[in-house]
Amino acid sequence: MAAEITIREEPAECRIVAELEGCLASAWYERNGDTLRFVRIDLPAELVCRGVLSQLIRVALVEARTKGLLVEPLCPEVLDYMRDNPETHDLLSLGGLRLLSP
């Protein structure tokens, strides 16, 4: 049986956290009006190649969509995820669109 990944937002710390088997991964953000600027991802070595990163980013983007927020993917992990998943492009702020452009 596969272990379950638990994801929660910790708004006081400006991060979304994924937990698996006691290890934490975090997507750190800055909120600027109606825009979430993802600035850093912390992913411990124990969680690499376990699907945690993509689930963390997917949930973070769903949260942004649910709250009516735009996204500026300043960290490479979120930028790459959004580049590879065109269904997320409607979430991009103007700054995010510039980052995504070649």
Protein backbone atom coordinates (compact mmCIF):
# COMPACT_ATOMS: atom_id res chain seq x y z
CA MET A 1 0.00 0.00 0.00
CA ALA A 2 1.37 3.41 -1.00
CA ALA A 3 1.86 6.02 1.69
CA GLU A 4 -0.48 9.00 1.62
CA ILE A 5 0.78 12.51 0.95
CA THR A 6 -0.87 15.12 3.16
CA ILE A 7 -0.94 18.70 1.86
CA ARG A 8 -1.91 21.78 3.87
CA GLU A 9 -1.51 25.51 3.66
CA GLU A 10 0.26 27.40 6.42
CA PRO A 11 -0.68 30.99 5.58
CA ALA A 12 1.08 32.49 8.62
CA GLU A 13 4.35 31.12 7.21
CA CYS A 14 3.41 31.82 3.56
CA ARG A 15 3.87 28.24 2.45
CA ILE A 16 2.04 25.16 1.30
CA VAL A 17 3.38 21.98 2.86
CA ALA A 18 3.33 18.38 1.68
CA GLU A 19 4.08 15.68 4.24
CA LEU A 20 4.98 12.08 3.53
CA GLU A 21 6.26 9.68 6.16
CA GLY A 22 7.30 12.52 8.46
CA CYS A 23 9.24 14.43 5.76
CA LEU A 24 8.08 17.89 4.71
CA ALA A 25 8.29 19.64 1.36
CA SER A 26 7.31 23.30 1.11
CA ALA A 27 6.24 25.70 -1.62
CA TRP A 28 7.02 29.19 -0.31
CA TYR A 29 5.08 32.15 -1.66
CA GLU A 30 4.59 35.88 -1.32
CA ARG A 31 1.09 37.28 -1.65
CA ASN A 32 0.82 40.58 -3.48
CA GLY A 33 -2.82 41.61 -3.89
CA ASP A 34 -4.43 39.04 -6.16
CA THR A 35 -1.12 37.36 -7.07
CA LEU A 36 0.77 34.48 -5.47
CA ARG A 37 4.48 34.68 -6.26
CA PHE A 38 6.04 31.25 -5.73
CA VAL A 39 9.59 32.02 -4.67
CA ARG A 40 11.07 28.73 -3.47
CA ILE A 41 10.48 25.00 -3.20
CA ASP A 42 12.12 22.96 -0.45
CA LEU A 43 12.17 19.24 -1.27
CA PRO A 44 14.25 16.93 0.92
CA ALA A 45 16.20 14.16 -0.77
CA GLU A 46 13.91 11.55 0.83
CA LEU A 47 10.97 12.87 -1.19
CA VAL A 48 12.65 13.16 -4.59
CA CYS A 49 11.14 10.75 -7.17
CA ARG A 50 8.12 10.01 -4.98
CA GLY A 51 5.61 12.27 -6.74
CA VAL A 52 5.54 14.79 -3.91
CA LEU A 53 6.78 17.77 -5.92
CA SER A 54 4.16 17.52 -8.66
CA GLN A 55 1.35 16.96 -6.15
CA LEU A 56 2.50 19.91 -4.05
CA ILE A 57 2.56 22.23 -7.05
CA ARG A 58 -0.74 20.92 -8.43
CA VAL A 59 -2.51 21.51 -5.09
CA ALA A 60 -0.92 24.96 -4.74
CA LEU A 61 -2.26 25.93 -8.17
CA VAL A 62 -5.71 24.53 -7.38
CA GLU A 63 -5.72 26.64 -4.20
CA ALA A 64 -4.80 29.73 -6.23
CA ARG A 65 -7.58 29.00 -8.71
CA THR A 66 -10.13 28.39 -5.93
CA LYS A 67 -9.23 31.73 -4.32
CA GLY A 68 -9.33 33.61 -7.63
CA LEU A 69 -5.61 34.41 -7.50
CA LEU A 70 -3.07 34.74 -10.28
CA VAL A 71 0.34 33.06 -10.14
CA GLU A 72 3.84 34.33 -10.79
CA PRO A 73 6.15 31.28 -10.86
CA LEU A 74 9.51 32.73 -9.80
CA CYS A 75 11.03 29.40 -8.73
CA PRO A 76 12.09 27.00 -11.49
CA GLU A 77 10.02 24.06 -10.26
CA VAL A 78 6.70 25.90 -10.49
CA LEU A 79 7.74 27.56 -13.76
CA ASP A 80 8.61 24.18 -15.31
CA TYR A 81 5.38 22.61 -14.05
CA MET A 82 3.29 25.41 -15.54
CA ARG A 83 5.24 25.30 -18.81
CA ASP A 84 4.51 21.55 -19.07
CA ASN A 85 0.83 21.91 -18.11
CA PRO A 86 -0.88 24.41 -20.42
CA GLU A 87 -4.17 24.01 -18.54
CA THR A 88 -2.56 26.16 -15.82
CA HIS A 89 -1.66 29.07 -18.11
CA ASP A 90 -4.88 30.94 -17.34
CA LEU A 91 -3.54 31.40 -13.79
CA LEU A 92 -0.46 33.32 -14.94
CA SER A 93 -0.11 36.97 -14.00
CA LEU A 94 1.41 39.34 -16.55
CA GLY A 95 4.79 38.82 -14.89
CA GLY A 96 4.21 35.07 -15.02
CA LEU A 97 3.40 35.20 -18.72
CA ARG A 98 6.69 37.00 -19.34
CA LEU A 99 8.57 34.31 -17.41
CA LEU A 100 6.89 31.56 -19.42
CA SER A 101 7.68 33.16 -22.78
CA PRO A 102 10.83 31.89 -24.53
